[in-house]
Protein backbone atom coordinates (compact mmCIF):
# COMPACT_ATOMS: atom_id res chain seq x y z
CA MET A 1 55.84 -155.03 199.33
CA GLU A 2 52.18 -155.40 200.25
CA GLU A 3 50.40 -158.40 198.75
CA LYS A 4 47.59 -157.44 196.38
CA ILE A 5 44.21 -158.89 197.34
CA SER A 6 42.23 -160.59 194.60
CA ILE A 7 39.00 -158.68 193.95
CA PRO A 8 36.02 -159.73 191.81
CA GLU A 9 36.33 -158.97 188.11
CA LYS A 10 33.16 -156.82 188.09
CA VAL A 11 34.71 -154.56 190.76
CA GLU A 12 38.10 -154.44 189.00
CA LYS A 13 36.42 -153.45 185.73
CA ALA A 14 34.16 -150.86 187.35
CA ILE A 15 36.55 -148.97 189.65
CA GLY A 16 39.95 -150.68 189.57
CA TYR A 17 42.02 -151.97 192.45
CA ARG A 18 42.88 -148.52 193.89
CA GLY A 19 39.21 -147.53 193.79
CA TRP A 20 38.33 -150.74 195.60
CA THR A 21 40.89 -150.03 198.34
CA ALA A 22 39.11 -146.72 199.06
CA LEU A 23 35.69 -148.36 198.94
CA SER A 24 36.84 -151.24 201.17
CA TRP A 25 38.45 -148.91 203.71
CA ALA A 26 35.33 -146.76 203.92
CA LEU A 27 33.02 -149.76 204.30
CA GLN A 28 35.21 -151.66 206.75
CA ASN A 29 35.59 -148.57 208.93
CA GLY A 30 31.87 -147.83 209.14
CA TRP A 31 31.81 -144.58 207.17
CA VAL A 32 28.42 -145.18 205.58
CA GLN A 33 26.77 -146.15 208.86
CA ASP A 34 28.40 -143.31 210.81
CA TYR A 35 27.74 -140.59 208.23
CA LYS A 36 24.21 -141.83 207.61
CA TYR A 37 23.48 -141.47 211.32
CA SER A 38 25.26 -138.10 211.67
CA LEU A 39 23.65 -136.57 208.58
CA SER A 40 20.21 -137.83 209.60
CA GLN A 41 20.60 -136.36 213.10
CA LYS A 42 21.83 -133.02 211.76
CA GLU A 43 19.06 -132.69 209.16
CA GLY A 44 16.26 -134.15 211.29
CA ARG A 45 15.24 -136.70 208.67
CA ASP A 46 16.29 -140.12 207.48
CA ILE A 47 19.14 -139.81 205.01
CA GLY A 48 19.07 -142.83 202.76
CA THR A 49 22.05 -144.97 201.92
CA LYS A 50 22.34 -143.57 198.39
CA GLU A 51 22.32 -139.96 199.58
CA THR A 52 24.95 -140.79 202.22
CA VAL A 53 27.24 -142.59 199.79
CA GLU A 54 26.96 -139.75 197.28
CA ALA A 55 28.04 -137.30 200.01
CA ILE A 56 31.11 -139.46 200.70
CA VAL A 57 32.10 -139.99 197.07
CA TYR A 58 31.13 -136.48 195.84
CA PRO A 59 31.93 -134.29 198.88
CA TRP A 60 32.30 -131.12 196.79
CA SER A 61 28.59 -131.30 195.97
CA CYS A 62 27.66 -131.11 199.68
CA THR A 63 26.33 -128.10 201.51
CA LYS A 64 28.70 -126.50 204.01
CA ASP A 65 26.79 -128.10 206.92
CA ARG A 66 27.22 -131.55 205.42
CA LEU A 67 30.81 -130.88 204.49
CA ASP A 68 31.59 -130.00 208.12
CA LEU A 69 30.50 -133.50 209.17
CA LEU A 70 32.66 -135.32 206.63
CA SER A 71 36.19 -136.06 207.72
CA GLN A 72 39.15 -134.79 205.73
CA GLY A 73 39.80 -138.44 204.93
CA ALA A 74 36.49 -138.69 203.12
CA LEU A 75 37.38 -135.62 201.12
CA PHE A 76 40.69 -136.98 199.89
CA LEU A 77 40.48 -140.79 199.98
CA PHE A 78 38.25 -141.09 196.92
CA GLN A 79 39.79 -138.08 195.21
CA ASP A 80 43.20 -139.74 195.47
CA ARG A 81 42.22 -143.29 194.55
CA LEU A 82 39.26 -143.03 192.20
CA GLU A 83 39.13 -141.60 188.71
CA MET A 84 36.33 -139.09 188.21
CA LYS A 85 34.73 -141.13 185.42
CA LYS A 86 34.41 -144.14 187.76
CA ARG A 87 32.66 -142.39 190.65
CA ASP A 88 29.10 -143.25 189.62
CA LYS A 89 30.09 -146.92 189.53
CA ALA A 90 31.77 -146.55 192.93
CA VAL A 91 28.55 -145.13 194.38
CA LYS A 92 26.57 -148.15 193.18
CA LEU A 93 29.19 -150.59 194.44
CA MET A 94 29.41 -148.90 197.84
CA ILE A 95 25.62 -148.96 198.24
CA GLU A 96 25.56 -152.60 197.23
CA GLY A 97 28.47 -153.53 199.48
CA TYR A 98 27.00 -151.71 202.46
CA LEU A 99 23.55 -153.25 202.07
CA MET A 100 25.02 -156.73 201.56
CA GLY A 101 27.54 -156.30 204.40
CA THR A 102 30.66 -156.87 202.32
CA ASP A 103 33.51 -155.11 200.55
CA PHE A 104 33.20 -157.83 197.84
CA VAL A 105 36.12 -159.73 199.37
CA SER A 106 35.09 -160.27 202.99
CA PRO A 107 32.26 -159.49 205.43
CA LEU A 108 32.27 -156.03 207.00
CA TRP A 109 33.52 -155.42 210.54
CA VAL A 110 30.56 -154.37 212.67
CA MET A 111 29.97 -153.56 216.32
CA SER A 112 28.13 -156.41 217.99
CA ASN A 113 27.53 -156.60 221.75
CA GLY A 114 30.23 -154.01 222.38
CA LYS A 115 32.96 -155.61 220.29
CA MET A 116 33.99 -155.57 216.64
CA GLU A 117 33.16 -158.73 214.69
CA GLN A 118 33.49 -159.52 211.01
CA THR A 119 29.89 -160.62 210.51
CA GLY A 120 28.79 -158.27 207.76
CA ILE A 121 25.35 -158.05 209.35
CA ILE A 122 24.81 -154.39 210.18
CA PRO A 123 21.73 -154.06 212.40
CA ASP A 124 18.96 -151.62 211.52
CA GLU A 125 16.07 -150.21 213.52
CA HIS A 126 13.58 -150.91 210.70
CA GLY A 127 14.65 -154.44 209.82
CA GLU A 128 16.88 -157.39 210.55
CA ASN A 129 19.75 -155.71 208.68
CA GLN A 130 20.57 -152.62 206.63
CA LEU A 131 19.18 -154.08 203.41
CA GLU A 132 15.79 -154.86 204.91
CA GLY A 133 15.69 -151.53 206.76
CA GLU A 134 16.61 -149.58 203.64
CA LEU A 135 13.93 -151.36 201.60
CA ARG A 136 11.31 -150.64 204.27
CA ARG A 137 12.28 -146.95 204.52
CA TYR A 138 12.34 -146.58 200.73
CA TRP A 139 8.85 -148.02 200.24
CA ALA A 140 7.44 -146.27 203.33
CA LYS A 141 8.59 -142.94 201.89
CA GLU A 142 7.05 -143.79 198.50
CA LYS A 143 3.68 -144.72 200.05
CA GLU A 144 3.79 -142.24 202.96
CA ILE A 145 3.45 -144.94 205.60
CA LEU A 146 5.63 -146.12 208.49
CA PRO A 147 8.48 -148.54 207.71
CA SER A 148 6.93 -151.02 210.16
CA GLU A 149 3.79 -151.11 207.97
CA VAL A 150 5.70 -152.18 204.86
CA ILE A 151 5.31 -155.75 203.71
CA LEU A 152 8.30 -156.47 201.52
CA THR A 153 7.61 -158.07 198.18
CA LYS A 154 9.77 -159.03 195.23
CA ALA A 155 8.27 -156.08 193.33
CA ILE A 156 9.50 -153.62 196.00
CA VAL A 157 12.98 -155.13 195.93
CA ARG A 158 13.04 -155.11 192.12
CA GLU A 159 11.93 -151.45 192.05
CA TYR A 160 14.57 -150.40 194.61
CA CYS A 161 17.33 -152.20 192.71
CA LYS A 162 16.20 -150.69 189.41
CA VAL A 163 15.97 -147.12 190.76
CA ASN A 164 19.42 -147.38 192.36
CA GLY A 165 21.09 -149.36 189.56
CA LEU A 166 21.96 -152.26 191.86
CA SER A 167 22.90 -155.74 190.78
CA ASN A 168 21.00 -158.97 190.82
CA GLN A 169 22.97 -160.01 193.93
CA VAL A 170 21.10 -157.47 196.05
CA TYR A 171 17.79 -158.69 194.62
CA LYS A 172 18.66 -162.35 195.34
CA LEU A 173 19.81 -161.59 198.88
CA ALA A 174 16.64 -159.65 199.68
CA CYS A 175 14.21 -162.17 198.18
């Protein structure tokens, strides 16, 4: 019998242990990063983290083109392990976990210098990590400027967290 990993109470309450196993598997296997890149390439625009995660968790709402990019695993993993009423919470937790580089139990496995390491720090072309890059892209889109021109402030981080329903942990990490 497989030993059950202890997960944080907030995650257990929000999506349950089976929901967390799907979320953890997707995060630890780079689904968000891979799909975000693939969808962005296919559509010729930056697909944000939230839009990517929603495509993974709600694949039936995708266009046929997007659906073709998602693996069959994405279509069934969450369907099998996550109750419909908990999917919105799963989206928020997956965004948060991805941006913070964790599945809420351990750091994410990421490719670093050609090998997989459990650092949790996912690089990003617009910042030191995915969180900084996402914040820069979000604000650049709002103000119609380049991400490199964005000067991150606590107000930008607060706004992003509020709009996406993210926890105080994301705010603290970014500030």
